[in-house]
Amino acid sequence: KLLRFRRFRSRGLYFATEADFTDIYFEEQDSEAVDLDYHVHIVQSSGWTEKNIEEYMSLLYAKDMDLSKPLWRFHILNDLANGRHVLLAQINHTLGDGISMVRVLFGLVDD
């Protein structure tokens, strides 16, 4: 469902401007061109505690995303120590602000 949203199947193109700013434009790709193996990562996280999750998140956000791909990734953590599961969404702010992303996420689970 996520690929219904144009921004999630578009990659950013960045251009330096004369004013030391960067303009960003989006180049839409076909849904089939989006590499879901890259964008959806199932993490071996059996038995992880909250501390393990925090360390994992720190590593994720310390790395830059691949600018040649759409700027989002999901990380699925299963079978944590407390018996729960976690979905971490790593979405670059150029795809939308907090409210628009909440709408997208509700659109994913609303059926």
PDB file of N, CA and C in Angstrom:
ATOM      1  N   LYS A   1       0.806  -1.211   0.000  1.00  0.00           N
ATOM      2  CA  LYS A   1       0.000   0.000   0.000  1.00  0.00           C
ATOM      3  C   LYS A   1       0.844   1.267   0.000  1.00  0.00           C
ATOM      4  N   LEU A   2       2.000   1.208   0.617  1.00  0.00           N
ATOM      5  CA  LEU A   2       2.817   2.410   0.758  1.00  0.00           C
ATOM      6  C   LEU A   2       3.188   3.011  -0.600  1.00  0.00           C
ATOM      7  N   LEU A   3       3.392   2.169  -1.571  1.00  0.00           N
ATOM      8  CA  LEU A   3       3.822   2.661  -2.882  1.00  0.00           C
ATOM      9  C   LEU A   3       2.708   3.343  -3.665  1.00  0.00           C
ATOM     10  N   ARG A   4       1.485   3.353  -3.105  1.00  0.00           N
ATOM     11  CA  ARG A   4       0.407   4.164  -3.698  1.00  0.00           C
ATOM     12  C   ARG A   4       0.748   5.643  -3.603  1.00  0.00           C
ATOM     13  N   PHE A   5       1.534   6.001  -2.584  1.00  0.00           N
ATOM     14  CA  PHE A   5       1.905   7.389  -2.352  1.00  0.00           C
ATOM     15  C   PHE A   5       3.134   7.711  -3.200  1.00  0.00           C
ATOM     16  N   ARG A   6       2.990   8.678  -4.086  1.00  0.00           N
ATOM     17  CA  ARG A   6       4.019   9.019  -5.061  1.00  0.00           C
ATOM     18  C   ARG A   6       5.379   9.277  -4.412  1.00  0.00           C
ATOM     19  N   ARG A   7       5.422   9.972  -3.313  1.00  0.00           N
ATOM     20  CA  ARG A   7       6.703  10.304  -2.682  1.00  0.00           C
ATOM     21  C   ARG A   7       7.469   9.062  -2.231  1.00  0.00           C
ATOM     22  N   PHE A   8       6.763   7.993  -1.918  1.00  0.00           N
ATOM     23  CA  PHE A   8       7.427   6.786  -1.436  1.00  0.00           C
ATOM     24  C   PHE A   8       7.983   5.935  -2.578  1.00  0.00           C
ATOM     25  N   ARG A   9       7.677   6.298  -3.773  1.00  0.00           N
ATOM     26  CA  ARG A   9       8.288   5.607  -4.913  1.00  0.00           C
ATOM     27  C   ARG A   9       9.088   6.596  -5.765  1.00  0.00           C
ATOM     28  N   SER A  10       9.471   7.711  -5.150  1.00  0.00           N
ATOM     29  CA  SER A  10      10.264   8.736  -5.829  1.00  0.00           C
ATOM     30  C   SER A  10      11.592   8.918  -5.119  1.00  0.00           C
ATOM     31  N   ARG A  11      12.621   9.166  -5.912  1.00  0.00           N
ATOM     32  CA  ARG A  11      13.915   9.450  -5.303  1.00  0.00           C
ATOM     33  C   ARG A  11      14.194  10.934  -5.437  1.00  0.00           C
ATOM     34  N   GLY A  12      14.950  11.462  -4.495  1.00  0.00           N
ATOM     35  CA  GLY A  12      15.256  12.884  -4.507  1.00  0.00           C
ATOM     36  C   GLY A  12      16.409  13.204  -5.425  1.00  0.00           C
ATOM     37  N   LEU A  13      16.301  14.299  -6.121  1.00  0.00           N
ATOM     38  CA  LEU A  13      17.389  14.829  -6.941  1.00  0.00           C
ATOM     39  C   LEU A  13      17.780  16.165  -6.328  1.00  0.00           C
ATOM     40  N   TYR A  14      19.038  16.332  -6.014  1.00  0.00           N
ATOM     41  CA  TYR A  14      19.503  17.514  -5.299  1.00  0.00           C
ATOM     42  C   TYR A  14      20.351  18.378  -6.210  1.00  0.00           C
ATOM     43  N   PHE A  15      20.106  19.682  -6.167  1.00  0.00           N
ATOM     44  CA  PHE A  15      20.841  20.633  -6.994  1.00  0.00           C
ATOM     45  C   PHE A  15      21.317  21.781  -6.115  1.00  0.00           C
ATOM     46  N   ALA A  16      22.618  22.058  -6.159  1.00  0.00           N
ATOM     47  CA  ALA A  16      23.151  23.198  -5.415  1.00  0.00           C
ATOM     48  C   ALA A  16      22.692  24.487  -6.100  1.00  0.00           C
ATOM     49  N   THR A  17      22.419  25.482  -5.302  1.00  0.00           N
ATOM     50  CA  THR A  17      21.997  26.771  -5.847  1.00  0.00           C
ATOM     51  C   THR A  17      23.073  27.808  -5.568  1.00  0.00           C
ATOM     52  N   GLU A  18      22.924  28.969  -6.140  1.00  0.00           N
ATOM     53  CA  GLU A  18      23.908  30.039  -5.953  1.00  0.00           C
ATOM     54  C   GLU A  18      23.935  30.545  -4.514  1.00  0.00           C
ATOM     55  N   ALA A  19      22.868  30.375  -3.788  1.00  0.00           N
ATOM     56  CA  ALA A  19      22.773  30.916  -2.428  1.00  0.00           C
ATOM     57  C   ALA A  19      23.212  29.898  -1.368  1.00  0.00           C
ATOM     58  N   ASP A  20      24.010  28.912  -1.753  1.00  0.00           N
ATOM     59  CA  ASP A  20      24.489  27.871  -0.830  1.00  0.00           C
ATOM     60  C   ASP A  20      23.354  27.048  -0.237  1.00  0.00           C
ATOM     61  N   PHE A  21      22.245  26.996  -0.926  1.00  0.00           N
ATOM     62  CA  PHE A  21      21.147  26.129  -0.539  1.00  0.00           C
ATOM     63  C   PHE A  21      21.083  24.988  -1.545  1.00  0.00           C
ATOM     64  N   THR A  22      20.328  23.998  -1.208  1.00  0.00           N
ATOM     65  CA  THR A  22      20.138  22.889  -2.131  1.00  0.00           C
ATOM     66  C   THR A  22      18.657  22.773  -2.426  1.00  0.00           C
ATOM     67  N   ASP A  23      18.324  22.729  -3.700  1.00  0.00           N
ATOM     68  CA  ASP A  23      16.946  22.477  -4.105  1.00  0.00           C
ATOM     69  C   ASP A  23      16.774  20.982  -4.265  1.00  0.00           C
ATOM     70  N   ILE A  24      15.617  20.488  -3.885  1.00  0.00           N
ATOM     71  CA  ILE A  24      15.336  19.074  -4.060  1.00  0.00           C
ATOM     72  C   ILE A  24      14.123  18.924  -4.971  1.00  0.00           C
ATOM     73  N   TYR A  25      14.235  18.000  -5.885  1.00  0.00           N
ATOM     74  CA  TYR A  25      13.142  17.638  -6.774  1.00  0.00           C
ATOM     75  C   TYR A  25      12.961  16.134  -6.668  1.00  0.00           C
ATOM     76  N   PHE A  26      11.783  15.671  -6.943  1.00  0.00           N
ATOM     77  CA  PHE A  26      11.526  14.239  -6.859  1.00  0.00           C
ATOM     78  C   PHE A  26      11.300  13.649  -8.232  1.00  0.00           C
ATOM     79  N   GLU A  27      11.952  12.525  -8.475  1.00  0.00           N
ATOM     80  CA  GLU A  27      11.799  11.792  -9.725  1.00  0.00           C
ATOM     81  C   GLU A  27      11.024  10.515  -9.408  1.00  0.00           C
ATOM     82  N   GLU A  28       9.826  10.437  -9.939  1.00  0.00           N
ATOM     83  CA  GLU A  28       8.969   9.285  -9.669  1.00  0.00           C
ATOM     84  C   GLU A  28       9.473   8.056 -10.413  1.00  0.00           C
ATOM     85  N   GLN A  29       9.409   6.908  -9.734  1.00  0.00           N
ATOM     86  CA  GLN A  29       9.783   5.635 -10.317  1.00  0.00           C
ATOM     87  C   GLN A  29       8.553   4.740 -10.368  1.00  0.00           C
ATOM     88  N   ASP A  30       8.583   3.721 -11.219  1.00  0.00           N
ATOM     89  CA  ASP A  30       7.535   2.708 -11.195  1.00  0.00           C
ATOM     90  C   ASP A  30       7.634   1.946  -9.880  1.00  0.00           C
ATOM     91  N   SER A  31       6.517   1.461  -9.381  1.00  0.00           N
ATOM     92  CA  SER A  31       6.512   0.695  -8.132  1.00  0.00           C
ATOM     93  C   SER A  31       7.480  -0.483  -8.187  1.00  0.00           C
ATOM     94  N   GLU A  32       7.593  -1.111  -9.358  1.00  0.00           N
ATOM     95  CA  GLU A  32       8.462  -2.278  -9.512  1.00  0.00           C
ATOM     96  C   GLU A  32       9.938  -1.916  -9.360  1.00  0.00           C
ATOM     97  N   ALA A  33      10.284  -0.650  -9.559  1.00  0.00           N
ATOM     98  CA  ALA A  33      11.681  -0.211  -9.468  1.00  0.00           C
ATOM     99  C   ALA A  33      12.127  -0.001  -8.029  1.00  0.00           C
ATOM    100  N   VAL A  34      11.183   0.038  -7.097  1.00  0.00           N
ATOM    101  CA  VAL A  34      11.516   0.244  -5.687  1.00  0.00           C
ATOM    102  C   VAL A  34      11.939  -1.093  -5.088  1.00  0.00           C
ATOM    103  N   ASP A  35      13.152  -1.140  -4.568  1.00  0.00           N
ATOM    104  CA  ASP A  35      13.739  -2.361  -4.022  1.00  0.00           C
ATOM    105  C   ASP A  35      13.247  -2.589  -2.587  1.00  0.00           C
ATOM    106  N   LEU A  36      12.202  -3.378  -2.435  1.00  0.00           N
ATOM    107  CA  LEU A  36      11.630  -3.597  -1.105  1.00  0.00           C
ATOM    108  C   LEU A  36      12.573  -4.348  -0.174  1.00  0.00           C
ATOM    109  N   ASP A  37      13.505  -5.120  -0.724  1.00  0.00           N
ATOM    110  CA  ASP A  37      14.496  -5.777   0.127  1.00  0.00           C
ATOM    111  C   ASP A  37      15.397  -4.748   0.817  1.00  0.00           C
ATOM    112  N   TYR A  38      15.632  -3.630   0.167  1.00  0.00           N
ATOM    113  CA  TYR A  38      16.400  -2.539   0.773  1.00  0.00           C
ATOM    114  C   TYR A  38      15.539  -1.754   1.765  1.00  0.00           C
ATOM    115  N   HIS A  39      14.290  -1.512   1.409  1.00  0.00           N
ATOM    116  CA  HIS A  39      13.438  -0.610   2.188  1.00  0.00           C
ATOM    117  C   HIS A  39      12.767  -1.267   3.392  1.00  0.00           C
ATOM    118  N   VAL A  40      12.597  -2.573   3.377  1.00  0.00           N
ATOM    119  CA  VAL A  40      11.959  -3.268   4.501  1.00  0.00           C
ATOM    120  C   VAL A  40      12.966  -4.274   5.035  1.00  0.00           C
ATOM    121  N   HIS A  41      13.422  -4.025   6.251  1.00  0.00           N
ATOM    122  CA  HIS A  41      14.497  -4.821   6.846  1.00  0.00           C
ATOM    123  C   HIS A  41      13.950  -5.563   8.066  1.00  0.00           C
ATOM    124  N   ILE A  42      14.016  -6.879   8.051  1.00  0.00           N
ATOM    125  CA  ILE A  42      13.617  -7.681   9.208  1.00  0.00           C
ATOM    126  C   ILE A  42      14.875  -7.943  10.027  1.00  0.00           C
ATOM    127  N   VAL A  43      14.862  -7.460  11.256  1.00  0.00           N
ATOM    128  CA  VAL A  43      16.039  -7.497  12.130  1.00  0.00           C
ATOM    129  C   VAL A  43      15.982  -8.736  13.021  1.00  0.00           C
ATOM    130  N   GLN A  44      17.093  -9.429  13.130  1.00  0.00           N
ATOM    131  CA  GLN A  44      17.197 -10.547  14.072  1.00  0.00           C
ATOM    132  C   GLN A  44      17.270  -9.948  15.475  1.00  0.00           C
ATOM    133  N   SER A  45      16.140  -9.900  16.154  1.00  0.00           N
ATOM    134  CA  SER A  45      16.052  -9.148  17.415  1.00  0.00           C
ATOM    135  C   SER A  45      15.445  -9.961  18.545  1.00  0.00           C
ATOM    136  N   SER A  46      15.455 -11.262  18.435  1.00  0.00           N
ATOM    137  CA  SER A  46      14.869 -12.114  19.468  1.00  0.00           C
ATOM    138  C   SER A  46      15.543 -11.853  20.816  1.00  0.00           C
ATOM    139  N   GLY A  47      14.730 -11.560  21.806  1.00  0.00           N
ATOM    140  CA  GLY A  47      15.241 -11.323  23.152  1.00  0.00           C
ATOM    141  C   GLY A  47      15.757  -9.920  23.417  1.00  0.00           C
ATOM    142  N   TRP A  48      15.663  -9.040  22.436  1.00  0.00           N
ATOM    143  CA  TRP A  48      16.169  -7.677  22.623  1.00  0.00           C
ATOM    144  C   TRP A  48      15.386  -6.955  23.713  1.00  0.00           C
ATOM    145  N   THR A  49      16.096  -6.099  24.430  1.00  0.00           N
ATOM    146  CA  THR A  49      15.493  -5.241  25.445  1.00  0.00           C
ATOM    147  C   THR A  49      15.362  -3.828  24.866  1.00  0.00           C
ATOM    148  N   GLU A  50      14.793  -2.938  25.647  1.00  0.00           N
ATOM    149  CA  GLU A  50      14.652  -1.544  25.205  1.00  0.00           C
ATOM    150  C   GLU A  50      16.022  -0.923  24.937  1.00  0.00           C
ATOM    151  N   LYS A  51      17.012  -1.300  25.732  1.00  0.00           N
ATOM    152  CA  LYS A  51      18.371  -0.782  25.522  1.00  0.00           C
ATOM    153  C   LYS A  51      18.917  -1.214  24.157  1.00  0.00           C
ATOM    154  N   ASN A  52      18.687  -2.454  23.761  1.00  0.00           N
ATOM    155  CA  ASN A  52      19.125  -2.924  22.442  1.00  0.00           C
ATOM    156  C   ASN A  52      18.451  -2.131  21.326  1.00  0.00           C
ATOM    157  N   ILE A  53      17.163  -1.855  21.497  1.00  0.00           N
ATOM    158  CA  ILE A  53      16.419  -1.082  20.490  1.00  0.00           C
ATOM    159  C   ILE A  53      17.001   0.325  20.377  1.00  0.00           C
ATOM    160  N   GLU A  54      17.279   0.960  21.513  1.00  0.00           N
ATOM    161  CA  GLU A  54      17.854   2.308  21.501  1.00  0.00           C
ATOM    162  C   GLU A  54      19.209   2.325  20.803  1.00  0.00           C
ATOM    163  N   GLU A  55      20.041   1.314  21.051  1.00  0.00           N
ATOM    164  CA  GLU A  55      21.348   1.240  20.399  1.00  0.00           C
ATOM    165  C   GLU A  55      21.191   1.059  18.890  1.00  0.00           C
ATOM    166  N   TYR A  56      20.253   0.212  18.495  1.00  0.00           N
ATOM    167  CA  TYR A  56      19.993  -0.018  17.075  1.00  0.00           C
ATOM    168  C   TYR A  56      19.526   1.276  16.403  1.00  0.00           C
ATOM    169  N   MET A  57      18.610   1.985  17.050  1.00  0.00           N
ATOM    170  CA  MET A  57      18.103   3.239  16.501  1.00  0.00           C
ATOM    171  C   MET A  57      19.226   4.269  16.379  1.00  0.00           C
ATOM    172  N   SER A  58      20.115   4.329  17.337  1.00  0.00           N
ATOM    173  CA  SER A  58      21.244   5.264  17.269  1.00  0.00           C
ATOM    174  C   SER A  58      22.114   4.969  16.056  1.00  0.00           C
ATOM    175  N   LEU A  59      22.362   3.692  15.792  1.00  0.00           N
ATOM    176  CA  LEU A  59      23.157   3.318  14.622  1.00  0.00           C
ATOM    177  C   LEU A  59      22.445   3.706  13.322  1.00  0.00           C
ATOM    178  N   LEU A  60      21.124   3.491  13.288  1.00  0.00           N
ATOM    179  CA  LEU A  60      20.353   3.833  12.083  1.00  0.00           C
ATOM    180  C   LEU A  60      20.447   5.313  11.754  1.00  0.00           C
ATOM    181  N   TYR A  61      20.242   6.134  12.748  1.00  0.00           N
ATOM    182  CA  TYR A  61      20.160   7.566  12.498  1.00  0.00           C
ATOM    183  C   TYR A  61      21.526   8.223  12.374  1.00  0.00           C
ATOM    184  N   ALA A  62      22.586   7.478  12.686  1.00  0.00           N
ATOM    185  CA  ALA A  62      23.934   8.000  12.487  1.00  0.00           C
ATOM    186  C   ALA A  62      24.368   7.837  11.037  1.00  0.00           C
ATOM    187  N   LYS A  63      23.703   6.955  10.303  1.00  0.00           N
ATOM    188  CA  LYS A  63      24.043   6.702   8.896  1.00  0.00           C
ATOM    189  C   LYS A  63      23.141   7.529   7.983  1.00  0.00           C
ATOM    190  N   ASP A  64      23.725   8.019   6.906  1.00  0.00           N
ATOM    191  CA  ASP A  64      22.924   8.704   5.896  1.00  0.00           C
ATOM    192  C   ASP A  64      22.194   7.670   5.048  1.00  0.00           C
ATOM    193  N   MET A  65      21.031   8.038   4.560  1.00  0.00           N
ATOM    194  CA  MET A  65      20.308   7.163   3.647  1.00  0.00           C
ATOM    195  C   MET A  65      20.923   7.253   2.253  1.00  0.00           C
ATOM    196  N   ASP A  66      20.720   6.223   1.484  1.00  0.00           N
ATOM    197  CA  ASP A  66      21.195   6.166   0.103  1.00  0.00           C
ATOM    198  C   ASP A  66      20.349   7.114  -0.744  1.00  0.00           C
ATOM    199  N   LEU A  67      20.959   8.200  -1.219  1.00  0.00           N
ATOM    200  CA  LEU A  67      20.220   9.227  -1.954  1.00  0.00           C
ATOM    201  C   LEU A  67      19.765   8.776  -3.339  1.00  0.00           C
ATOM    202  N   SER A  68      20.236   7.628  -3.794  1.00  0.00           N
ATOM    203  CA  SER A  68      19.800   7.138  -5.099  1.00  0.00           C
ATOM    204  C   SER A  68      18.494   6.358  -5.004  1.00  0.00           C
ATOM    205  N   LYS A  69      17.983   6.214  -3.788  1.00  0.00           N
ATOM    206  CA  LYS A  69      16.747   5.461  -3.553  1.00  0.00           C
ATOM    207  C   LYS A  69      15.729   6.366  -2.851  1.00  0.00           C
ATOM    208  N   PRO A  70      14.446   5.995  -2.876  1.00  0.00           N
ATOM    209  CA  PRO A  70      13.476   6.749  -2.076  1.00  0.00           C
ATOM    210  C   PRO A  70      13.918   6.786  -0.606  1.00  0.00           C
ATOM    211  N   LEU A  71      13.682   7.911   0.045  1.00  0.00           N
ATOM    212  CA  LEU A  71      14.272   8.178   1.360  1.00  0.00           C
ATOM    213  C   LEU A  71      13.407   7.671   2.515  1.00  0.00           C
ATOM    214  N   TRP A  72      13.206   6.367   2.549  1.00  0.00           N
ATOM    215  CA  TRP A  72      12.470   5.751   3.648  1.00  0.00           C
ATOM    216  C   TRP A  72      12.925   4.307   3.798  1.00  0.00           C
ATOM    217  N   ARG A  73      12.789   3.800   5.023  1.00  0.00           N
ATOM    218  CA  ARG A  73      13.052   2.388   5.321  1.00  0.00           C
ATOM    219  C   ARG A  73      12.197   2.003   6.529  1.00  0.00           C
ATOM    220  N   PHE A  74      11.775   0.755   6.551  1.00  0.00           N
ATOM    221  CA  PHE A  74      11.094   0.212   7.726  1.00  0.00           C
ATOM    222  C   PHE A  74      11.940  -0.916   8.290  1.00  0.00           C
ATOM    223  N   HIS A  75      11.996  -0.978   9.598  1.00  0.00           N
ATOM    224  CA  HIS A  75      12.767  -2.006  10.301  1.00  0.00           C
ATOM    225  C   HIS A  75      11.793  -2.750  11.217  1.00  0.00           C
ATOM    226  N   ILE A  76      11.686  -4.046  11.028  1.00  0.00           N
ATOM    227  CA  ILE A  76      10.758  -4.873  11.803  1.00  0.00           C
ATOM    228  C   ILE A  76      11.561  -5.652  12.832  1.00  0.00           C
ATOM    229  N   LEU A  77      11.225  -5.460  14.097  1.00  0.00           N
ATOM    230  CA  LEU A  77      11.887  -6.163  15.193  1.00  0.00           C
ATOM    231  C   LEU A  77      10.878  -7.119  15.800  1.00  0.00           C
ATOM    232  N   ASN A  78      11.185  -8.402  15.770  1.00  0.00           N
ATOM    233  CA  ASN A  78      10.258  -9.432  16.251  1.00  0.00           C
ATOM    234  C   ASN A  78      10.764 -10.093  17.521  1.00  0.00           C
ATOM    235  N   ASP A  79       9.824 -10.627  18.287  1.00  0.00           N
ATOM    236  CA  ASP A  79      10.132 -11.474  19.452  1.00  0.00           C
ATOM    237  C   ASP A  79      11.075 -10.803  20.437  1.00  0.00           C
ATOM    238  N   LEU A  80      10.734  -9.606  20.848  1.00  0.00           N
ATOM    239  CA  LEU A  80      11.548  -8.904  21.836  1.00  0.00           C
ATOM    240  C   LEU A  80      11.422  -9.586  23.198  1.00  0.00           C
ATOM    241  N   ALA A  81      12.273  -9.187  24.131  1.00  0.00           N
ATOM    242  CA  ALA A  81      12.301  -9.818  25.450  1.00  0.00           C
ATOM    243  C   ALA A  81      10.949  -9.727  26.166  1.00  0.00           C
ATOM    244  N   ASN A  82      10.200  -8.655  25.904  1.00  0.00           N
ATOM    245  CA  ASN A  82       8.897  -8.481  26.559  1.00  0.00           C
ATOM    246  C   ASN A  82       7.756  -9.129  25.774  1.00  0.00           C
ATOM    247  N   GLY A  83       8.089  -9.886  24.718  1.00  0.00           N
ATOM    248  CA  GLY A  83       7.078 -10.577  23.925  1.00  0.00           C
ATOM    249  C   GLY A  83       6.436  -9.720  22.849  1.00  0.00           C
ATOM    250  N   ARG A  84       6.856  -8.497  22.720  1.00  0.00           N
ATOM    251  CA  ARG A  84       6.256  -7.585  21.739  1.00  0.00           C
ATOM    252  C   ARG A  84       7.058  -7.544  20.449  1.00  0.00           C
ATOM    253  N   HIS A  85       6.514  -6.806  19.488  1.00  0.00           N
ATOM    254  CA  HIS A  85       7.152  -6.584  18.192  1.00  0.00           C
ATOM    255  C   HIS A  85       7.150  -5.078  17.937  1.00  0.00           C
ATOM    256  N   VAL A  86       8.128  -4.594  17.175  1.00  0.00           N
ATOM    257  CA  VAL A  86       8.262  -3.155  16.928  1.00  0.00           C
ATOM    258  C   VAL A  86       8.448  -2.912  15.435  1.00  0.00           C
ATOM    259  N   LEU A  87       7.803  -1.870  14.943  1.00  0.00           N
ATOM    260  CA  LEU A  87       8.027  -1.385  13.586  1.00  0.00           C
ATOM    261  C   LEU A  87       8.663  -0.006  13.705  1.00  0.00           C
ATOM    262  N   LEU A  88       9.921   0.103  13.258  1.00  0.00           N
ATOM    263  CA  LEU A  88      10.600   1.394  13.239  1.00  0.00           C
ATOM    264  C   LEU A  88      10.481   1.964  11.832  1.00  0.00           C
ATOM    265  N   ALA A  89       9.984   3.169  11.725  1.00  0.00           N
ATOM    266  CA  ALA A  89       9.867   3.839  10.430  1.00  0.00           C
ATOM    267  C   ALA A  89      10.953   4.893  10.346  1.00  0.00           C
ATOM    268  N   GLN A  90      11.797   4.781   9.349  1.00  0.00           N
ATOM    269  CA  GLN A  90      12.864   5.747   9.102  1.00  0.00           C
ATOM    270  C   GLN A  90      12.481   6.487   7.822  1.00  0.00           C
ATOM    271  N   ILE A  91      11.965   7.702   7.987  1.00  0.00           N
ATOM    272  CA  ILE A  91      11.421   8.463   6.857  1.00  0.00           C
ATOM    273  C   ILE A  91      12.055   9.851   6.857  1.00  0.00           C
ATOM    274  N   ASN A  92      12.696  10.208   5.767  1.00  0.00           N
ATOM    275  CA  ASN A  92      13.313  11.517   5.660  1.00  0.00           C
ATOM    276  C   ASN A  92      12.235  12.595   5.656  1.00  0.00           C
ATOM    277  N   HIS A  93      12.536  13.702   6.310  1.00  0.00           N
ATOM    278  CA  HIS A  93      11.555  14.781   6.465  1.00  0.00           C
ATOM    279  C   HIS A  93      11.169  15.423   5.124  1.00  0.00           C
ATOM    280  N   THR A  94      11.955  15.227   4.091  1.00  0.00           N
ATOM    281  CA  THR A  94      11.585  15.793   2.786  1.00  0.00           C
ATOM    282  C   THR A  94      10.342  15.125   2.215  1.00  0.00           C
ATOM    283  N   LEU A  95       9.987  13.945   2.728  1.00  0.00           N
ATOM    284  CA  LEU A  95       8.793  13.255   2.238  1.00  0.00           C
ATOM    285  C   LEU A  95       7.515  13.819   2.836  1.00  0.00           C
ATOM    286  N   GLY A  96       7.631  14.525   3.943  1.00  0.00           N
ATOM    287  CA  GLY A  96       6.444  15.121   4.548  1.00  0.00           C
ATOM    288  C   GLY A  96       6.687  15.446   5.998  1.00  0.00           C
ATOM    289  N   ASP A  97       5.813  16.282   6.551  1.00  0.00           N
ATOM    290  CA  ASP A  97       5.927  16.632   7.966  1.00  0.00           C
ATOM    291  C   ASP A  97       5.245  15.559   8.816  1.00  0.00           C
ATOM    292  N   GLY A  98       5.263  15.745  10.116  1.00  0.00           N
ATOM    293  CA  GLY A  98       4.715  14.747  11.033  1.00  0.00           C
ATOM    294  C   GLY A  98       3.258  14.421  10.784  1.00  0.00           C
ATOM    295  N   ILE A  99       2.433  15.426  10.571  1.00  0.00           N
ATOM    296  CA  ILE A  99       1.005  15.204  10.364  1.00  0.00           C
ATOM    297  C   ILE A  99       0.760  14.416   9.077  1.00  0.00           C
ATOM    298  N   SER A 100       1.444  14.782   7.997  1.00  0.00           N
ATOM    299  CA  SER A 100       1.223  14.060   6.746  1.00  0.00           C
ATOM    300  C   SER A 100       1.695  12.609   6.859  1.00  0.00           C
ATOM    301  N   MET A 101       2.759  12.355   7.625  1.00  0.00           N
ATOM    302  CA  MET A 101       3.230  10.981   7.799  1.00  0.00           C
ATOM    303  C   MET A 101       2.262  10.156   8.648  1.00  0.00           C
ATOM    304  N   VAL A 102       1.637  10.788   9.628  1.00  0.00           N
ATOM    305  CA  VAL A 102       0.618  10.087  10.428  1.00  0.00           C
ATOM    306  C   VAL A 102      -0.538   9.692   9.517  1.00  0.00           C
ATOM    307  N   ARG A 103      -0.928  10.577   8.628  1.00  0.00           N
ATOM    308  CA  ARG A 103      -2.011  10.259   7.672  1.00  0.00           C
ATOM    309  C   ARG A 103      -1.623   9.090   6.777  1.00  0.00           C
ATOM    310  N   VAL A 104      -0.372   9.081   6.315  1.00  0.00           N
ATOM    311  CA  VAL A 104       0.100   7.970   5.481  1.00  0.00           C
ATOM    312  C   VAL A 104       0.036   6.666   6.277  1.00  0.00           C
ATOM    313  N   LEU A 105       0.552   6.682   7.500  1.00  0.00           N
ATOM    314  CA  LEU A 105       0.570   5.452   8.312  1.00  0.00           C
ATOM    315  C   LEU A 105      -0.854   4.972   8.616  1.00  0.00           C
ATOM    316  N   PHE A 106      -1.778   5.888   8.895  1.00  0.00           N
ATOM    317  CA  PHE A 106      -3.175   5.472   9.085  1.00  0.00           C
ATOM    318  C   PHE A 106      -3.739   4.878   7.798  1.00  0.00           C
ATOM    319  N   GLY A 107      -3.342   5.439   6.654  1.00  0.00           N
ATOM    320  CA  GLY A 107      -3.794   4.911   5.373  1.00  0.00           C
ATOM    321  C   GLY A 107      -3.283   3.507   5.108  1.00  0.00           C
ATOM    322  N   LEU A 108      -2.176   3.138   5.723  1.00  0.00           N
ATOM    323  CA  LEU A 108      -1.620   1.799   5.544  1.00  0.00           C
ATOM    324  C   LEU A 108      -2.413   0.736   6.301  1.00  0.00           C
ATOM    325  N   VAL A 109      -2.977   1.118   7.435  1.00  0.00           N
ATOM    326  CA  VAL A 109      -3.664   0.140   8.284  1.00  0.00           C
ATOM    327  C   VAL A 109      -5.181   0.262   8.222  1.00  0.00           C
ATOM    328  N   ASP A 110      -5.692   1.210   7.474  1.00  0.00           N
ATOM    329  CA  ASP A 110      -7.132   1.454   7.414  1.00  0.00           C
ATOM    330  C   ASP A 110      -7.757   0.660   6.280  1.00  0.00           C
ATOM    331  N   ASP A 111      -8.376  -0.449   6.615  1.00  0.00           N
ATOM    332  CA  ASP A 111      -9.141  -1.244   5.640  1.00  0.00           C
ATOM    333  C   ASP A 111     -10.214  -2.031   6.320  1.00  0.00           C
TER     334      ASP A 111
END
